[in-house]
C-alpha atoms as a PDB file:
ATOM      1  CA  UNK A   1       3.724  96.182  74.039  1.00  0.00           C
ATOM      2  CA  UNK A   2       6.721  98.692  73.837  1.00  0.00           C
ATOM      3  CA  UNK A   3       8.843  96.083  74.999  1.00  0.00           C
ATOM      4  CA  UNK A   4       7.475  93.721  72.133  1.00  0.00           C
ATOM      5  CA  UNK A   5       8.094  96.238  69.595  1.00  0.00           C
ATOM      6  CA  UNK A   6      11.579  96.783  70.230  1.00  0.00           C
ATOM      7  CA  UNK A   7      12.382  93.483  69.967  1.00  0.00           C
ATOM      8  CA  UNK A   8      10.709  93.492  66.778  1.00  0.00           C
ATOM      9  CA  UNK A   9      12.360  96.268  65.353  1.00  0.00           C
ATOM     10  CA  UNK A  10      15.607  95.259  66.474  1.00  0.00           C
ATOM     11  CA  UNK A  11      15.869  91.440  65.805  1.00  0.00           C
ATOM     12  CA  UNK A  12      18.761  89.647  67.369  1.00  0.00           C
ATOM     13  CA  UNK A  13      19.010  86.093  66.149  1.00  0.00           C
ATOM     14  CA  UNK A  14      21.501  83.133  63.992  1.00  0.00           C
ATOM     15  CA  UNK A  15      21.900  85.783  61.216  1.00  0.00           C
ATOM     16  CA  UNK A  16      23.507  88.196  63.712  1.00  0.00           C
ATOM     17  CA  UNK A  17      25.479  85.576  65.379  1.00  0.00           C
ATOM     18  CA  UNK A  18      26.675  84.220  61.967  1.00  0.00           C
ATOM     19  CA  UNK A  19      27.845  87.960  61.287  1.00  0.00           C
ATOM     20  CA  UNK A  20      29.627  88.897  64.317  1.00  0.00           C
ATOM     21  CA  UNK A  21      31.100  85.539  64.547  1.00  0.00           C
ATOM     22  CA  UNK A  22      32.899  85.874  60.946  1.00  0.00           C
ATOM     23  CA  UNK A  23      34.015  89.307  61.996  1.00  0.00           C
ATOM     24  CA  UNK A  24      35.642  88.422  65.313  1.00  0.00           C
ATOM     25  CA  UNK A  25      36.896  85.439  63.633  1.00  0.00           C
ATOM     26  CA  UNK A  26      39.016  87.731  61.189  1.00  0.00           C
ATOM     27  CA  UNK A  27      39.963  90.255  63.427  1.00  0.00           C
ATOM     28  CA  UNK A  28      41.397  87.429  65.659  1.00  0.00           C
ATOM     29  CA  UNK A  29      43.211  86.142  62.958  1.00  0.00           C
ATOM     30  CA  UNK A  30      44.515  89.454  61.669  1.00  0.00           C
ATOM     31  CA  UNK A  31      45.684  90.395  65.525  1.00  0.00           C
ATOM     32  CA  UNK A  32      47.352  87.065  65.679  1.00  0.00           C
ATOM     33  CA  UNK A  33      49.678  86.918  62.508  1.00  0.00           C
ATOM     34  CA  UNK A  34      50.468  90.892  63.635  1.00  0.00           C
ATOM     35  CA  UNK A  35      51.435  89.452  66.993  1.00  0.00           C
ATOM     36  CA  UNK A  36      53.385  86.654  65.747  1.00  0.00           C
ATOM     37  CA  UNK A  37      55.286  88.599  63.445  1.00  0.00           C
ATOM     38  CA  UNK A  38      56.166  91.257  66.094  1.00  0.00           C
ATOM     39  CA  UNK A  39      57.426  88.481  68.399  1.00  0.00           C
ATOM     40  CA  UNK A  40      59.368  86.844  65.309  1.00  0.00           C
ATOM     41  CA  UNK A  41      60.704  90.669  64.662  1.00  0.00           C
ATOM     42  CA  UNK A  42      61.861  90.887  68.277  1.00  0.00           C
ATOM     43  CA  UNK A  43      63.786  87.840  68.371  1.00  0.00           C
ATOM     44  CA  UNK A  44      65.847  88.207  65.080  1.00  0.00           C
ATOM     45  CA  UNK A  45      66.579  92.423  65.993  1.00  0.00           C
ATOM     46  CA  UNK A  46      67.870  90.810  69.269  1.00  0.00           C
ATOM     47  CA  UNK A  47      70.061  87.994  67.529  1.00  0.00           C
ATOM     48  CA  UNK A  48      71.025  90.350  65.108  1.00  0.00           C
ATOM     49  CA  UNK A  49      72.069  93.355  67.822  1.00  0.00           C
ATOM     50  CA  UNK A  50      74.180  90.798  69.819  1.00  0.00           C
ATOM     51  CA  UNK A  51      75.913  89.294  66.964  1.00  0.00           C
ATOM     52  CA  UNK A  52      79.565  90.085  67.401  1.00  0.00           C
ATOM     53  CA  UNK A  53      81.232  91.683  64.201  1.00  0.00           C
ATOM     54  CA  UNK A  54      83.768  89.287  62.735  1.00  0.00           C
ATOM     55  CA  UNK A  55      87.117  90.436  63.638  1.00  0.00           C
ATOM     56  CA  UNK A  56      89.393  91.731  60.946  1.00  0.00           C
ATOM     57  CA  UNK A  57      93.008  90.169  60.583  1.00  0.00           C
ATOM     58  CA  UNK A  58      95.503  92.526  58.907  1.00  0.00           C
ATOM     59  CA  UNK A  59      97.986  90.554  57.485  1.00  0.00           C
ATOM     60  CA  UNK A  60     101.224  92.842  56.025  1.00  0.00           C
ATOM     61  CA  UNK A  61     103.538  91.093  53.549  1.00  0.00           C
ATOM     62  CA  UNK A  62     107.254  92.342  54.255  1.00  0.00           C
ATOM     63  CA  UNK A  63     110.154  91.254  52.096  1.00  0.00           C
ATOM     64  CA  UNK A  64     113.044  90.068  53.721  1.00  0.00           C
ATOM     65  CA  UNK A  65     115.019  92.952  52.804  1.00  0.00           C
ATOM     66  CA  UNK A  66     112.980  95.227  54.404  1.00  0.00           C
ATOM     67  CA  UNK A  67     113.520  93.753  58.115  1.00  0.00           C
ATOM     68  CA  UNK A  68     116.217  95.395  58.739  1.00  0.00           C
ATOM     69  CA  UNK A  69     119.773  94.393  60.374  1.00  0.00           C
ATOM     70  CA  UNK A  70     119.689  91.963  63.610  1.00  0.00           C
ATOM     71  CA  UNK A  71     119.665  93.777  66.355  1.00  0.00           C
ATOM     72  CA  UNK A  72     123.493  94.129  67.842  1.00  0.00           C
ATOM     73  CA  UNK A  73     124.738  91.699  70.528  1.00  0.00           C
ATOM     74  CA  UNK A  74     127.180  94.086  71.134  1.00  0.00           C
ATOM     75  CA  UNK A  75     124.804  96.295  73.460  1.00  0.00           C
ATOM     76  CA  UNK A  76     124.529  96.179  77.017  1.00  0.00           C
ATOM     77  CA  UNK A  77     121.001  95.879  78.383  1.00  0.00           C
ATOM     78  CA  UNK A  78     120.291  94.964  81.880  1.00  0.00           C
ATOM     79  CA  UNK A  79     117.577  92.301  82.269  1.00  0.00           C
ATOM     80  CA  UNK A  80     115.358  92.131  84.863  1.00  0.00           C
ATOM     81  CA  UNK A  81     116.366  91.185  88.294  1.00  0.00           C
ATOM     82  CA  UNK A  82     114.520  88.277  89.595  1.00  0.00           C
ATOM     83  CA  UNK A  83     114.484  86.825  93.038  1.00  0.00           C
ATOM     84  CA  UNK A  84     115.130  82.849  93.072  1.00  0.00           C
ATOM     85  CA  UNK A  85     114.649  81.577  96.366  1.00  0.00           C
ATOM     86  CA  UNK A  86     117.097  78.245  96.699  1.00  0.00           C
ATOM     87  CA  UNK A  87     116.859  75.913  99.235  1.00  0.00           C
ATOM     88  CA  UNK A  88     119.461  75.326 101.731  1.00  0.00           C
ATOM     89  CA  UNK A  89     118.528  71.725 101.613  1.00  0.00           C
ATOM     90  CA  UNK A  90     120.163  71.545  98.281  1.00  0.00           C
ATOM     91  CA  UNK A  91     123.852  72.173  97.644  1.00  0.00           C
ATOM     92  CA  UNK A  92     125.431  71.442  94.220  1.00  0.00           C
ATOM     93  CA  UNK A  93     128.278  70.348  94.005  1.00  0.00           C
ATOM     94  CA  UNK A  94     129.250  69.958  90.129  1.00  0.00           C
ATOM     95  CA  UNK A  95     129.696  73.125  88.306  1.00  0.00           C
ATOM     96  CA  UNK A  96     130.397  75.794  90.266  1.00  0.00           C
ATOM     97  CA  UNK A  97     132.501  77.945  89.330  1.00  0.00           C
ATOM     98  CA  UNK A  98     135.355  78.999  91.532  1.00  0.00           C
ATOM     99  CA  UNK A  99     137.011  82.398  90.945  1.00  0.00           C
ATOM    100  CA  UNK A 100     140.761  82.470  90.748  1.00  0.00           C
ATOM    101  CA  UNK A 101     143.085  85.502  90.981  1.00  0.00           C
ATOM    102  CA  UNK A 102     143.983  86.788  87.639  1.00  0.00           C
ATOM    103  CA  UNK A 103     147.779  86.187  88.432  1.00  0.00           C
ATOM    104  CA  UNK A 104     146.876  82.381  87.994  1.00  0.00           C
ATOM    105  CA  UNK A 105     144.687  82.847  84.565  1.00  0.00           C
ATOM    106  CA  UNK A 106     146.080  81.638  81.374  1.00  0.00           C
ATOM    107  CA  UNK A 107     145.878  84.555  78.597  1.00  0.00           C
ATOM    108  CA  UNK A 108     146.428  81.527  75.975  1.00  0.00           C
ATOM    109  CA  UNK A 109     143.536  79.374  76.996  1.00  0.00           C
ATOM    110  CA  UNK A 110     140.451  79.047  75.265  1.00  0.00           C
ATOM    111  CA  UNK A 111     137.235  77.568  75.467  1.00  0.00           C
ATOM    112  CA  UNK A 112     136.690  74.223  73.736  1.00  0.00           C
ATOM    113  CA  UNK A 113     134.336  73.997  70.888  1.00  0.00           C
ATOM    114  CA  UNK A 114     130.806  71.653  70.717  1.00  0.00           C
ATOM    115  CA  UNK A 115     132.557  69.401  68.185  1.00  0.00           C
ATOM    116  CA  UNK A 116     135.833  69.024  70.493  1.00  0.00           C
ATOM    117  CA  UNK A 117     133.649  68.399  73.656  1.00  0.00           C
ATOM    118  CA  UNK A 118     131.544  65.875  71.922  1.00  0.00           C
ATOM    119  CA  UNK A 119     134.587  63.944  71.538  1.00  0.00           C
ATOM    120  CA  UNK A 120     135.874  63.928  74.725  1.00  0.00           C
ATOM    121  CA  UNK A 121     134.249  61.385  77.433  1.00  0.00           C
ATOM    122  CA  UNK A 122     135.313  62.225  80.618  1.00  0.00           C
ATOM    123  CA  UNK A 123     134.824  60.705  84.314  1.00  0.00           C
ATOM    124  CA  UNK A 124     131.866  62.235  86.338  1.00  0.00           C
ATOM    125  CA  UNK A 125     133.182  62.320  89.644  1.00  0.00           C
ATOM    126  CA  UNK A 126     132.066  63.772  93.002  1.00  0.00           C
ATOM    127  CA  UNK A 127     130.284  63.678  96.391  1.00  0.00           C
ATOM    128  CA  UNK A 128     126.499  63.826  96.701  1.00  0.00           C
ATOM    129  CA  UNK A 129     124.431  64.834  99.437  1.00  0.00           C
ATOM    130  CA  UNK A 130     125.628  63.149 102.628  1.00  0.00           C
ATOM    131  CA  UNK A 131     128.940  62.139 101.099  1.00  0.00           C
ATOM    132  CA  UNK A 132     127.546  59.311  99.003  1.00  0.00           C
ATOM    133  CA  UNK A 133     129.802  58.815  95.689  1.00  0.00           C
ATOM    134  CA  UNK A 134     128.233  59.474  92.505  1.00  0.00           C
ATOM    135  CA  UNK A 135     128.342  56.801  89.884  1.00  0.00           C
ATOM    136  CA  UNK A 136     131.530  57.031  87.524  1.00  0.00           C
ATOM    137  CA  UNK A 137     130.736  57.253  83.672  1.00  0.00           C
ATOM    138  CA  UNK A 138     133.460  55.485  81.734  1.00  0.00           C
ATOM    139  CA  UNK A 139     133.627  55.172  78.083  1.00  0.00           C
ATOM    140  CA  UNK A 140     133.947  51.360  78.285  1.00  0.00           C
ATOM    141  CA  UNK A 141     130.283  51.534  80.211  1.00  0.00           C
ATOM    142  CA  UNK A 142     128.575  52.861  77.135  1.00  0.00           C
ATOM    143  CA  UNK A 143     129.754  49.955  74.755  1.00  0.00           C
ATOM    144  CA  UNK A 144     128.130  47.531  76.979  1.00  0.00           C
ATOM    145  CA  UNK A 145     125.277  46.158  76.262  1.00  0.00           C
ATOM    146  CA  UNK A 146     122.344  46.243  77.782  1.00  0.00           C
ATOM    147  CA  UNK A 147     120.650  42.971  78.582  1.00  0.00           C
ATOM    148  CA  UNK A 148     116.860  42.106  78.771  1.00  0.00           C
ATOM    149  CA  UNK A 149     115.205  43.023  82.243  1.00  0.00           C
ATOM    150  CA  UNK A 150     113.674  39.230  82.589  1.00  0.00           C
ATOM    151  CA  UNK A 151     111.461  37.106  81.273  1.00  0.00           C
ATOM    152  CA  UNK A 152     108.013  38.311  79.097  1.00  0.00           C
ATOM    153  CA  UNK A 153     104.806  38.676  80.679  1.00  0.00           C
ATOM    154  CA  UNK A 154     102.464  35.519  80.276  1.00  0.00           C
ATOM    155  CA  UNK A 155     100.918  36.984  77.442  1.00  0.00           C
ATOM    156  CA  UNK A 156     102.703  39.125  74.856  1.00  0.00           C
ATOM    157  CA  UNK A 157     100.802  40.150  71.662  1.00  0.00           C
ATOM    158  CA  UNK A 158     102.315  38.635  68.586  1.00  0.00           C
ATOM    159  CA  UNK A 159     101.041  39.016  64.758  1.00  0.00           C
ATOM    160  CA  UNK A 160     103.306  35.702  63.636  1.00  0.00           C
ATOM    161  CA  UNK A 161     103.710  33.279  66.593  1.00  0.00           C
ATOM    162  CA  UNK A 162     107.017  30.959  66.832  1.00  0.00           C
ATOM    163  CA  UNK A 163     107.537  27.527  64.689  1.00  0.00           C
ATOM    164  CA  UNK A 164     109.718  24.752  66.019  1.00  0.00           C
ATOM    165  CA  UNK A 165     112.774  24.393  63.369  1.00  0.00           C
ATOM    166  CA  UNK A 166     114.599  21.925  65.604  1.00  0.00           C
ATOM    167  CA  UNK A 167     113.062  19.189  67.708  1.00  0.00           C
ATOM    168  CA  UNK A 168     114.915  17.252  70.150  1.00  0.00           C
ATOM    169  CA  UNK A 169     112.915  14.221  71.354  1.00  0.00           C
ATOM    170  CA  UNK A 170     113.467  13.722  75.240  1.00  0.00           C
ATOM    171  CA  UNK A 171     115.440  10.449  76.624  1.00  0.00           C
ATOM    172  CA  UNK A 172     113.737   8.139  78.684  1.00  0.00           C
ATOM    173  CA  UNK A 173     114.704   7.819  81.918  1.00  0.00           C
ATOM    174  CA  UNK A 174     116.140   4.316  82.588  1.00  0.00           C
ATOM    175  CA  UNK A 175     114.368   3.678  86.001  1.00  0.00           C
ATOM    176  CA  UNK A 176     110.941   4.367  84.445  1.00  0.00           C
ATOM    177  CA  UNK A 177     111.771   2.134  81.377  1.00  0.00           C
ATOM    178  CA  UNK A 178     112.844  -0.711  83.911  1.00  0.00           C
ATOM    179  CA  UNK A 179     109.549   0.088  86.103  1.00  0.00           C
ATOM    180  CA  UNK A 180     107.204   0.015  82.804  1.00  0.00           C
ATOM    181  CA  UNK A 181     106.232   3.661  83.635  1.00  0.00           C
ATOM    182  CA  UNK A 182     104.221   6.061  81.149  1.00  0.00           C
ATOM    183  CA  UNK A 183     103.759   9.623  81.635  1.00  0.00           C
ATOM    184  CA  UNK A 184     103.226  13.014  80.444  1.00  0.00           C
ATOM    185  CA  UNK A 185     104.904  16.360  80.936  1.00  0.00           C
ATOM    186  CA  UNK A 186     103.857  19.739  80.062  1.00  0.00           C
ATOM    187  CA  UNK A 187     106.197  22.673  80.191  1.00  0.00           C
ATOM    188  CA  UNK A 188     106.445  26.143  79.552  1.00  0.00           C
ATOM    189  CA  UNK A 189     109.170  27.605  77.124  1.00  0.00           C
ATOM    190  CA  UNK A 190     110.714  31.446  77.006  1.00  0.00           C
ATOM    191  CA  UNK A 191     111.676  31.896  73.570  1.00  0.00           C
ATOM    192  CA  UNK A 192     113.667  34.935  73.266  1.00  0.00           C
ATOM    193  CA  UNK A 193     114.168  37.326  70.027  1.00  0.00           C
ATOM    194  CA  UNK A 194     116.491  34.687  68.646  1.00  0.00           C
ATOM    195  CA  UNK A 195     114.433  31.976  68.566  1.00  0.00           C
ATOM    196  CA  UNK A 196     116.458  30.151  71.470  1.00  0.00           C
ATOM    197  CA  UNK A 197     114.700  28.616  75.001  1.00  0.00           C
ATOM    198  CA  UNK A 198     115.963  30.632  77.577  1.00  0.00           C
ATOM    199  CA  UNK A 199     114.027  29.131  80.161  1.00  0.00           C
ATOM    200  CA  UNK A 200     111.921  25.929  80.513  1.00  0.00           C
ATOM    201  CA  UNK A 201     108.752  25.685  83.737  1.00  0.00           C
ATOM    202  CA  UNK A 202     107.184  22.919  84.367  1.00  0.00           C
ATOM    203  CA  UNK A 203     103.408  23.168  84.148  1.00  0.00           C
ATOM    204  CA  UNK A 204     102.114  19.625  85.132  1.00  0.00           C
ATOM    205  CA  UNK A 205     103.069  16.204  85.099  1.00  0.00           C
ATOM    206  CA  UNK A 206     101.843  12.913  85.747  1.00  0.00           C
ATOM    207  CA  UNK A 207     104.970  11.603  86.934  1.00  0.00           C
ATOM    208  CA  UNK A 208     107.527  13.466  88.282  1.00  0.00           C
ATOM    209  CA  UNK A 209     110.591  11.157  87.566  1.00  0.00           C
ATOM    210  CA  UNK A 210     109.951  12.760  83.601  1.00  0.00           C
ATOM    211  CA  UNK A 211     110.226  16.141  84.675  1.00  0.00           C
ATOM    212  CA  UNK A 212     114.121  16.755  84.414  1.00  0.00           C
ATOM    213  CA  UNK A 213     114.189  14.502  80.971  1.00  0.00           C
ATOM    214  CA  UNK A 214     111.665  16.711  79.466  1.00  0.00           C
ATOM    215  CA  UNK A 215     113.735  20.259  80.722  1.00  0.00           C
ATOM    216  CA  UNK A 216     116.702  18.880  79.141  1.00  0.00           C
ATOM    217  CA  UNK A 217     114.907  18.394  75.789  1.00  0.00           C
ATOM    218  CA  UNK A 218     112.994  21.684  75.729  1.00  0.00           C
ATOM    219  CA  UNK A 219     116.017  23.434  76.192  1.00  0.00           C
ATOM    220  CA  UNK A 220     117.570  22.098  72.685  1.00  0.00           C
ATOM    221  CA  UNK A 221     114.235  23.499  70.691  1.00  0.00           C
ATOM    222  CA  UNK A 222     114.938  26.155  68.334  1.00  0.00           C
ATOM    223  CA  UNK A 223     111.958  28.323  66.867  1.00  0.00           C
ATOM    224  CA  UNK A 224     111.820  31.135  64.797  1.00  0.00           C
ATOM    225  CA  UNK A 225     110.987  34.100  66.617  1.00  0.00           C
ATOM    226  CA  UNK A 226     107.498  35.497  67.316  1.00  0.00           C
ATOM    227  CA  UNK A 227     106.966  38.754  65.043  1.00  0.00           C
ATOM    228  CA  UNK A 228     105.424  41.847  65.862  1.00  0.00           C
ATOM    229  CA  UNK A 229     105.145  45.108  63.989  1.00  0.00           C
ATOM    230  CA  UNK A 230     108.455  46.493  65.057  1.00  0.00           C
ATOM    231  CA  UNK A 231     110.068  42.982  65.296  1.00  0.00           C
ATOM    232  CA  UNK A 232     110.532  40.044  67.160  1.00  0.00           C
ATOM    233  CA  UNK A 233     109.558  39.670  71.147  1.00  0.00           C
ATOM    234  CA  UNK A 234     110.113  37.201  73.448  1.00  0.00           C
ATOM    235  CA  UNK A 235     107.040  34.993  74.481  1.00  0.00           C
ATOM    236  CA  UNK A 236     106.047  31.913  76.445  1.00  0.00           C
ATOM    237  CA  UNK A 237     104.693  28.899  74.546  1.00  0.00           C
ATOM    238  CA  UNK A 238     103.565  25.470  75.798  1.00  0.00           C
ATOM    239  CA  UNK A 239     105.084  22.126  74.720  1.00  0.00           C
ATOM    240  CA  UNK A 240     104.199  18.636  75.732  1.00  0.00           C
ATOM    241  CA  UNK A 241     105.953  15.400  75.767  1.00  0.00           C
ATOM    242  CA  UNK A 242     104.693  11.864  75.761  1.00  0.00           C
ATOM    243  CA  UNK A 243     106.994   8.903  77.260  1.00  0.00           C
ATOM    244  CA  UNK A 244     105.544   6.341  75.603  1.00  0.00           C
ATOM    245  CA  UNK A 245     107.435   2.854  76.067  1.00  0.00           C
ATOM    246  CA  UNK A 246     106.513   1.842  72.747  1.00  0.00           C
ATOM    247  CA  UNK A 247     108.973   5.192  71.541  1.00  0.00           C
ATOM    248  CA  UNK A 248     111.909   4.349  73.635  1.00  0.00           C
ATOM    249  CA  UNK A 249     115.006   6.519  73.215  1.00  0.00           C
ATOM    250  CA  UNK A 250     117.935   4.551  74.331  1.00  0.00           C
ATOM    251  CA  UNK A 251     120.638   6.702  76.524  1.00  0.00           C
ATOM    252  CA  UNK A 252     123.850   7.026  74.165  1.00  0.00           C
END
């Protein structure tokens, strides 16, 4: 009976649960907000403490007159000694100073200036390792014109292709004309930087009897050179020669 009375005097039901729920929910929100602010404050404080200060650059502006005179070149200052290991296998043969007695030195002898040395082109003579003679460079060698190394590759980029300015028809071979033979020849021509044909290569031919006539005619063609940004370039181009009896050209 006493237990029942206690339950009556101290009831615990839905109203108490609602009030406790609101109270604990409010405390939980407050604690979570405080905890999040504490974490954010700790993070930003650590970032601020670890941030390096920007270096302070001091620039001093001086007048040219305040720099003072340059150091004297007459002062003898000993250079730092450095040891250089020289391989005994390599022995220089040119430019080695040779000491001579004082009696043989001409007191009136002077050193040539840079201008005088640039005007004199002397031969380079001497023997290298193993007694091999070095190349001698003369003034006439400098005036030689450097020729092309060889034909261009199969593909050369260009902005303006070569165009024909002189066309020569091939001479129909007499033997083929009498035999009533017709054919076609495909050739590849090397067009240099001046628009001249330097070489002709037969790519394909239906009748080999026409090959030489096509080569002889192609060598006489003239073109405007192919152009790139830096100037004319050597290129390969293809030509086709049709040998038809109705277009026979009699030999002169």
